[in-house]
Amino acid sequence: MKNILENRNRKLVESAMNTIVNEHIKLVGAIHYDELAALVPTIENAEHIFIMGAGRTGLMMKAAGMRLMHLGFNVHVVGEITAPAIKEGDVLIVGSGSGTTSGIVRAAETAKTVGAGIICFTTNKESRLALLAEHTVVIPAAQKQERDETVSKQYAGSLFEQSLLLMFDALIQTLWELDGSTASELWKRHANME
């Protein structure tokens, strides 16, 4: 009986992995890479970069912020006690599947008021957040409220969050290649008080 259950579970896990990977393969073909490429000069020229997202999207954004820090950018996570005020010359990078998360929209409105740039990752190019942003990257994934299995069989925005991390990693890889730093140089910025 134990072997039957282990075999069933292995098949289920393998099937789940194939579902996830196949959704990403489909999504990769639908990405507008010019939207991503347009972010490079904005990020390179920012005095400070502010990162923000809510929930699991927020975790993906923090991971992106850490990688930007490894590349030598001056990065802050919005809401952290050490984050300074945003100002002109800075850029706010936000992730929100719906583009309507109230705290994120308010932060974007503040950034706009002071003349900071705004980069938005979302599924909704018509959202308030997307309309505030100078640069919007549309991720063709389901929002967490959507239950449309033709877009994703995964639960509650998982495809958006995973894709956000992958797209940002592609952006980081591009910025790193343009910078020309070695992995050893980046490692010097890695946390050493863990």
C-alpha atoms as a PDB file:
ATOM      1  CA  MET A   1       0.000   0.000   0.000  1.00  0.00           C
ATOM      2  CA  LYS A   2       2.837   2.385   0.877  1.00  0.00           C
ATOM      3  CA  ASN A   3       4.460   1.867  -2.544  1.00  0.00           C
ATOM      4  CA  ILE A   4       1.138   2.541  -4.304  1.00  0.00           C
ATOM      5  CA  LEU A   5       0.741   5.850  -2.423  1.00  0.00           C
ATOM      6  CA  GLU A   6       4.354   6.865  -3.071  1.00  0.00           C
ATOM      7  CA  ASN A   7       3.968   6.097  -6.785  1.00  0.00           C
ATOM      8  CA  ARG A   8       0.688   8.049  -6.965  1.00  0.00           C
ATOM      9  CA  ASN A   9       2.264  11.043  -5.195  1.00  0.00           C
ATOM     10  CA  ARG A  10       5.318  10.959  -7.465  1.00  0.00           C
ATOM     11  CA  LYS A  11       3.070  11.003 -10.532  1.00  0.00           C
ATOM     12  CA  LEU A  12       1.021  13.870  -9.126  1.00  0.00           C
ATOM     13  CA  VAL A  13       4.126  15.933  -8.339  1.00  0.00           C
ATOM     14  CA  GLU A  14       5.585  15.245 -11.784  1.00  0.00           C
ATOM     15  CA  SER A  15       2.292  16.200 -13.428  1.00  0.00           C
ATOM     16  CA  ALA A  16       2.153  19.430 -11.393  1.00  0.00           C
ATOM     17  CA  MET A  17       5.714  20.318 -12.408  1.00  0.00           C
ATOM     18  CA  ASN A  18       4.913  19.704 -16.069  1.00  0.00           C
ATOM     19  CA  THR A  19       1.794  21.879 -15.797  1.00  0.00           C
ATOM     20  CA  ILE A  20       3.788  24.741 -14.299  1.00  0.00           C
ATOM     21  CA  VAL A  21       6.676  24.504 -16.773  1.00  0.00           C
ATOM     22  CA  ASN A  22       4.329  24.240 -19.770  1.00  0.00           C
ATOM     23  CA  GLU A  23       2.421  27.337 -18.625  1.00  0.00           C
ATOM     24  CA  HIS A  24       5.710  29.238 -18.510  1.00  0.00           C
ATOM     25  CA  ILE A  25       6.743  28.009 -21.944  1.00  0.00           C
ATOM     26  CA  LYS A  26       3.435  29.317 -23.308  1.00  0.00           C
ATOM     27  CA  LEU A  27       3.810  32.612 -21.429  1.00  0.00           C
ATOM     28  CA  VAL A  28       7.393  33.152 -22.660  1.00  0.00           C
ATOM     29  CA  GLY A  29       6.062  33.229 -26.213  1.00  0.00           C
ATOM     30  CA  ALA A  30       3.545  35.951 -25.305  1.00  0.00           C
ATOM     31  CA  ILE A  31       5.913  38.368 -23.522  1.00  0.00           C
ATOM     32  CA  HIS A  32       6.601  41.733 -25.149  1.00  0.00           C
ATOM     33  CA  TYR A  33      10.376  41.836 -24.707  1.00  0.00           C
ATOM     34  CA  ASP A  34      10.556  45.450 -25.855  1.00  0.00           C
ATOM     35  CA  GLU A  35       8.659  46.383 -22.658  1.00  0.00           C
ATOM     36  CA  LEU A  36      11.362  44.698 -20.572  1.00  0.00           C
ATOM     37  CA  ALA A  37      14.234  46.141 -22.612  1.00  0.00           C
ATOM     38  CA  ALA A  38      12.841  49.662 -22.163  1.00  0.00           C
ATOM     39  CA  LEU A  39      13.394  49.357 -18.394  1.00  0.00           C
ATOM     40  CA  VAL A  40      17.173  49.050 -18.660  1.00  0.00           C
ATOM     41  CA  PRO A  41      18.080  52.770 -19.018  1.00  0.00           C
ATOM     42  CA  THR A  42      15.500  53.815 -16.412  1.00  0.00           C
ATOM     43  CA  ILE A  43      16.998  51.425 -13.865  1.00  0.00           C
ATOM     44  CA  GLU A  44      20.596  52.248 -14.806  1.00  0.00           C
ATOM     45  CA  ASN A  45      19.975  55.992 -14.381  1.00  0.00           C
ATOM     46  CA  ALA A  46      17.988  55.867 -11.117  1.00  0.00           C
ATOM     47  CA  GLU A  47      19.545  57.494  -8.057  1.00  0.00           C
ATOM     48  CA  HIS A  48      17.562  55.207  -5.756  1.00  0.00           C
ATOM     49  CA  ILE A  49      15.324  52.268  -6.629  1.00  0.00           C
ATOM     50  CA  PHE A  50      12.265  51.588  -4.498  1.00  0.00           C
ATOM     51  CA  ILE A  51      10.658  48.136  -4.664  1.00  0.00           C
ATOM     52  CA  MET A  52       7.070  47.334  -3.692  1.00  0.00           C
ATOM     53  CA  GLY A  53       4.523  44.551  -3.941  1.00  0.00           C
ATOM     54  CA  ALA A  54       1.974  42.940  -1.628  1.00  0.00           C
ATOM     55  CA  GLY A  55       1.784  39.353  -0.424  1.00  0.00           C
ATOM     56  CA  ARG A  56       3.611  36.755  -2.507  1.00  0.00           C
ATOM     57  CA  THR A  57       4.174  39.328  -5.245  1.00  0.00           C
ATOM     58  CA  GLY A  58       5.934  41.417  -2.613  1.00  0.00           C
ATOM     59  CA  LEU A  59       8.273  38.516  -1.900  1.00  0.00           C
ATOM     60  CA  MET A  60       9.163  38.284  -5.595  1.00  0.00           C
ATOM     61  CA  MET A  61       9.806  42.035  -5.654  1.00  0.00           C
ATOM     62  CA  LYS A  62      12.070  41.787  -2.598  1.00  0.00           C
ATOM     63  CA  ALA A  63      14.055  39.030  -4.340  1.00  0.00           C
ATOM     64  CA  ALA A  64      14.425  41.355  -7.343  1.00  0.00           C
ATOM     65  CA  GLY A  65      15.522  44.176  -5.043  1.00  0.00           C
ATOM     66  CA  MET A  66      18.200  41.968  -3.509  1.00  0.00           C
ATOM     67  CA  ARG A  67      19.592  41.127  -6.952  1.00  0.00           C
ATOM     68  CA  LEU A  68      19.614  44.808  -7.929  1.00  0.00           C
ATOM     69  CA  MET A  69      21.561  45.514  -4.736  1.00  0.00           C
ATOM     70  CA  HIS A  70      24.065  42.797  -5.687  1.00  0.00           C
ATOM     71  CA  LEU A  71      24.576  44.661  -8.961  1.00  0.00           C
ATOM     72  CA  GLY A  72      25.434  47.802  -6.980  1.00  0.00           C
ATOM     73  CA  PHE A  73      22.158  49.716  -7.215  1.00  0.00           C
ATOM     74  CA  ASN A  74      20.911  51.735  -4.244  1.00  0.00           C
ATOM     75  CA  VAL A  75      17.717  49.783  -3.447  1.00  0.00           C
ATOM     76  CA  HIS A  76      15.039  50.227  -0.781  1.00  0.00           C
ATOM     77  CA  VAL A  77      11.935  48.202   0.017  1.00  0.00           C
ATOM     78  CA  VAL A  78       8.915  50.453   0.505  1.00  0.00           C
ATOM     79  CA  GLY A  79       7.580  50.107   4.036  1.00  0.00           C
ATOM     80  CA  GLU A  80      10.879  49.042   5.607  1.00  0.00           C
ATOM     81  CA  ILE A  81      11.952  51.299   8.445  1.00  0.00           C
ATOM     82  CA  THR A  82      15.208  52.325   6.724  1.00  0.00           C
ATOM     83  CA  ALA A  83      13.592  53.356   3.423  1.00  0.00           C
ATOM     84  CA  PRO A  84      14.066  57.112   2.807  1.00  0.00           C
ATOM     85  CA  ALA A  85      11.661  59.447   1.059  1.00  0.00           C
ATOM     86  CA  ILE A  86      11.347  58.985  -2.693  1.00  0.00           C
ATOM     87  CA  LYS A  87      12.305  61.989  -4.801  1.00  0.00           C
ATOM     88  CA  GLU A  88      12.892  63.146  -8.355  1.00  0.00           C
ATOM     89  CA  GLY A  89      15.591  61.047  -9.993  1.00  0.00           C
ATOM     90  CA  ASP A  90      14.450  57.904  -8.175  1.00  0.00           C
ATOM     91  CA  VAL A  91      12.338  55.079  -9.565  1.00  0.00           C
ATOM     92  CA  LEU A  92       9.588  53.038  -7.953  1.00  0.00           C
ATOM     93  CA  ILE A  93       9.289  49.480  -9.271  1.00  0.00           C
ATOM     94  CA  VAL A  94       5.987  47.854  -8.345  1.00  0.00           C
ATOM     95  CA  GLY A  95       4.349  44.523  -8.966  1.00  0.00           C
ATOM     96  CA  SER A  96       0.586  44.040  -8.784  1.00  0.00           C
ATOM     97  CA  GLY A  97      -1.349  41.462 -10.756  1.00  0.00           C
ATOM     98  CA  SER A  98      -4.552  43.473 -10.652  1.00  0.00           C
ATOM     99  CA  GLY A  99      -2.892  46.880 -10.752  1.00  0.00           C
ATOM    100  CA  THR A 100      -5.458  48.049  -8.221  1.00  0.00           C
ATOM    101  CA  THR A 101      -3.905  47.191  -4.834  1.00  0.00           C
ATOM    102  CA  SER A 102      -4.691  50.359  -2.887  1.00  0.00           C
ATOM    103  CA  GLY A 103      -1.410  50.771  -0.969  1.00  0.00           C
ATOM    104  CA  ILE A 104       0.634  50.242  -4.116  1.00  0.00           C
ATOM    105  CA  VAL A 105      -1.489  52.690  -6.123  1.00  0.00           C
ATOM    106  CA  ARG A 106      -1.073  55.300  -3.345  1.00  0.00           C
ATOM    107  CA  ALA A 107       2.708  54.791  -3.367  1.00  0.00           C
ATOM    108  CA  ALA A 108       2.740  55.260  -7.150  1.00  0.00           C
ATOM    109  CA  GLU A 109       0.678  58.439  -6.801  1.00  0.00           C
ATOM    110  CA  THR A 110       3.210  59.752  -4.270  1.00  0.00           C
ATOM    111  CA  ALA A 111       6.105  58.859  -6.580  1.00  0.00           C
ATOM    112  CA  LYS A 112       4.383  60.637  -9.466  1.00  0.00           C
ATOM    113  CA  THR A 113       3.767  63.747  -7.323  1.00  0.00           C
ATOM    114  CA  VAL A 114       7.470  64.123  -6.482  1.00  0.00           C
ATOM    115  CA  GLY A 115       8.625  63.449 -10.044  1.00  0.00           C
ATOM    116  CA  ALA A 116      10.031  59.942  -9.529  1.00  0.00           C
ATOM    117  CA  GLY A 117       9.780  57.352 -12.279  1.00  0.00           C
ATOM    118  CA  ILE A 118       7.406  54.397 -12.020  1.00  0.00           C
ATOM    119  CA  ILE A 119       7.816  50.908 -13.448  1.00  0.00           C
ATOM    120  CA  CYS A 120       4.844  48.573 -13.155  1.00  0.00           C
ATOM    121  CA  PHE A 121       4.547  44.803 -13.624  1.00  0.00           C
ATOM    122  CA  THR A 122       0.887  43.755 -13.943  1.00  0.00           C
ATOM    123  CA  THR A 123      -1.632  41.676 -15.851  1.00  0.00           C
ATOM    124  CA  ASN A 124      -3.909  44.681 -16.353  1.00  0.00           C
ATOM    125  CA  LYS A 125      -2.611  47.385 -18.713  1.00  0.00           C
ATOM    126  CA  GLU A 126      -5.764  49.469 -18.134  1.00  0.00           C
ATOM    127  CA  SER A 127      -5.413  49.558 -14.332  1.00  0.00           C
ATOM    128  CA  ARG A 128      -4.859  52.748 -12.346  1.00  0.00           C
ATOM    129  CA  LEU A 129      -1.337  51.579 -11.526  1.00  0.00           C
ATOM    130  CA  ALA A 130      -0.454  50.939 -15.174  1.00  0.00           C
ATOM    131  CA  LEU A 131      -1.804  54.348 -16.162  1.00  0.00           C
ATOM    132  CA  LEU A 132       0.391  56.051 -13.534  1.00  0.00           C
ATOM    133  CA  ALA A 133       3.549  54.284 -14.712  1.00  0.00           C
ATOM    134  CA  GLU A 134       5.999  55.493 -17.356  1.00  0.00           C
ATOM    135  CA  HIS A 135       6.815  51.849 -18.082  1.00  0.00           C
ATOM    136  CA  THR A 136       4.341  48.988 -17.827  1.00  0.00           C
ATOM    137  CA  VAL A 137       5.309  45.376 -18.370  1.00  0.00           C
ATOM    138  CA  VAL A 138       2.222  43.255 -18.964  1.00  0.00           C
ATOM    139  CA  ILE A 139       2.567  39.677 -17.768  1.00  0.00           C
ATOM    140  CA  PRO A 140      -0.038  37.589 -19.625  1.00  0.00           C
ATOM    141  CA  ALA A 141      -1.058  35.547 -16.594  1.00  0.00           C
ATOM    142  CA  ALA A 142      -4.250  35.190 -14.587  1.00  0.00           C
ATOM    143  CA  GLN A 143      -4.889  37.521 -11.670  1.00  0.00           C
ATOM    144  CA  LYS A 144      -5.362  35.850  -8.292  1.00  0.00           C
ATOM    145  CA  GLN A 145      -9.113  36.510  -8.412  1.00  0.00           C
ATOM    146  CA  GLU A 146      -9.482  34.794 -11.799  1.00  0.00           C
ATOM    147  CA  ARG A 147     -10.405  31.112 -11.918  1.00  0.00           C
ATOM    148  CA  ASP A 148     -10.009  30.735 -15.703  1.00  0.00           C
ATOM    149  CA  GLU A 149      -8.138  27.468 -16.214  1.00  0.00           C
ATOM    150  CA  THR A 150      -7.494  28.303 -19.862  1.00  0.00           C
ATOM    151  CA  VAL A 151      -4.956  30.897 -18.635  1.00  0.00           C
ATOM    152  CA  SER A 152      -3.554  28.880 -15.707  1.00  0.00           C
ATOM    153  CA  LYS A 153      -4.425  25.736 -13.811  1.00  0.00           C
ATOM    154  CA  GLN A 154      -2.444  27.051 -10.849  1.00  0.00           C
ATOM    155  CA  TYR A 155      -4.120  28.660  -7.879  1.00  0.00           C
ATOM    156  CA  ALA A 156      -4.478  32.323  -7.009  1.00  0.00           C
ATOM    157  CA  GLY A 157      -2.024  34.188  -9.189  1.00  0.00           C
ATOM    158  CA  SER A 158       0.849  31.723  -8.928  1.00  0.00           C
ATOM    159  CA  LEU A 159       1.710  32.031 -12.618  1.00  0.00           C
ATOM    160  CA  PHE A 160       1.934  35.829 -12.300  1.00  0.00           C
ATOM    161  CA  GLU A 161       4.208  35.632  -9.268  1.00  0.00           C
ATOM    162  CA  GLN A 162       6.477  32.990 -10.783  1.00  0.00           C
ATOM    163  CA  SER A 163       6.662  34.874 -14.076  1.00  0.00           C
ATOM    164  CA  LEU A 164       7.433  38.118 -12.286  1.00  0.00           C
ATOM    165  CA  LEU A 165      10.455  36.486 -10.676  1.00  0.00           C
ATOM    166  CA  LEU A 166      11.606  34.942 -13.964  1.00  0.00           C
ATOM    167  CA  MET A 167      11.155  38.172 -15.929  1.00  0.00           C
ATOM    168  CA  PHE A 168      13.021  40.138 -13.297  1.00  0.00           C
ATOM    169  CA  ASP A 169      15.813  37.560 -13.289  1.00  0.00           C
ATOM    170  CA  ALA A 170      16.101  37.978 -17.073  1.00  0.00           C
ATOM    171  CA  LEU A 171      16.305  41.729 -16.547  1.00  0.00           C
ATOM    172  CA  ILE A 172      18.942  41.276 -13.819  1.00  0.00           C
ATOM    173  CA  GLN A 173      20.950  38.966 -16.082  1.00  0.00           C
ATOM    174  CA  THR A 174      20.809  41.632 -18.818  1.00  0.00           C
ATOM    175  CA  LEU A 175      21.888  44.424 -16.468  1.00  0.00           C
ATOM    176  CA  TRP A 176      24.727  42.239 -15.178  1.00  0.00           C
ATOM    177  CA  GLU A 177      25.928  41.475 -18.695  1.00  0.00           C
ATOM    178  CA  LEU A 178      25.866  45.177 -19.565  1.00  0.00           C
ATOM    179  CA  ASP A 179      27.720  46.035 -16.350  1.00  0.00           C
ATOM    180  CA  GLY A 180      30.479  43.510 -16.986  1.00  0.00           C
ATOM    181  CA  SER A 181      31.134  42.756 -13.297  1.00  0.00           C
ATOM    182  CA  THR A 182      32.355  39.316 -12.345  1.00  0.00           C
ATOM    183  CA  ALA A 183      30.429  37.007 -10.030  1.00  0.00           C
ATOM    184  CA  SER A 184      33.222  37.521  -7.469  1.00  0.00           C
ATOM    185  CA  GLU A 185      32.649  41.292  -7.546  1.00  0.00           C
ATOM    186  CA  LEU A 186      28.922  40.836  -6.980  1.00  0.00           C
ATOM    187  CA  TRP A 187      29.582  38.366  -4.170  1.00  0.00           C
ATOM    188  CA  LYS A 188      31.318  41.131  -2.164  1.00  0.00           C
ATOM    189  CA  ARG A 189      27.868  42.759  -1.790  1.00  0.00           C
ATOM    190  CA  HIS A 190      26.186  39.560  -0.609  1.00  0.00           C
ATOM    191  CA  ALA A 191      24.949  39.610   2.997  1.00  0.00           C
ATOM    192  CA  ASN A 192      27.691  38.523   5.404  1.00  0.00           C
ATOM    193  CA  MET A 193      25.726  38.727   8.668  1.00  0.00           C
ATOM    194  CA  GLU A 194      23.296  35.877   8.066  1.00  0.00           C
END
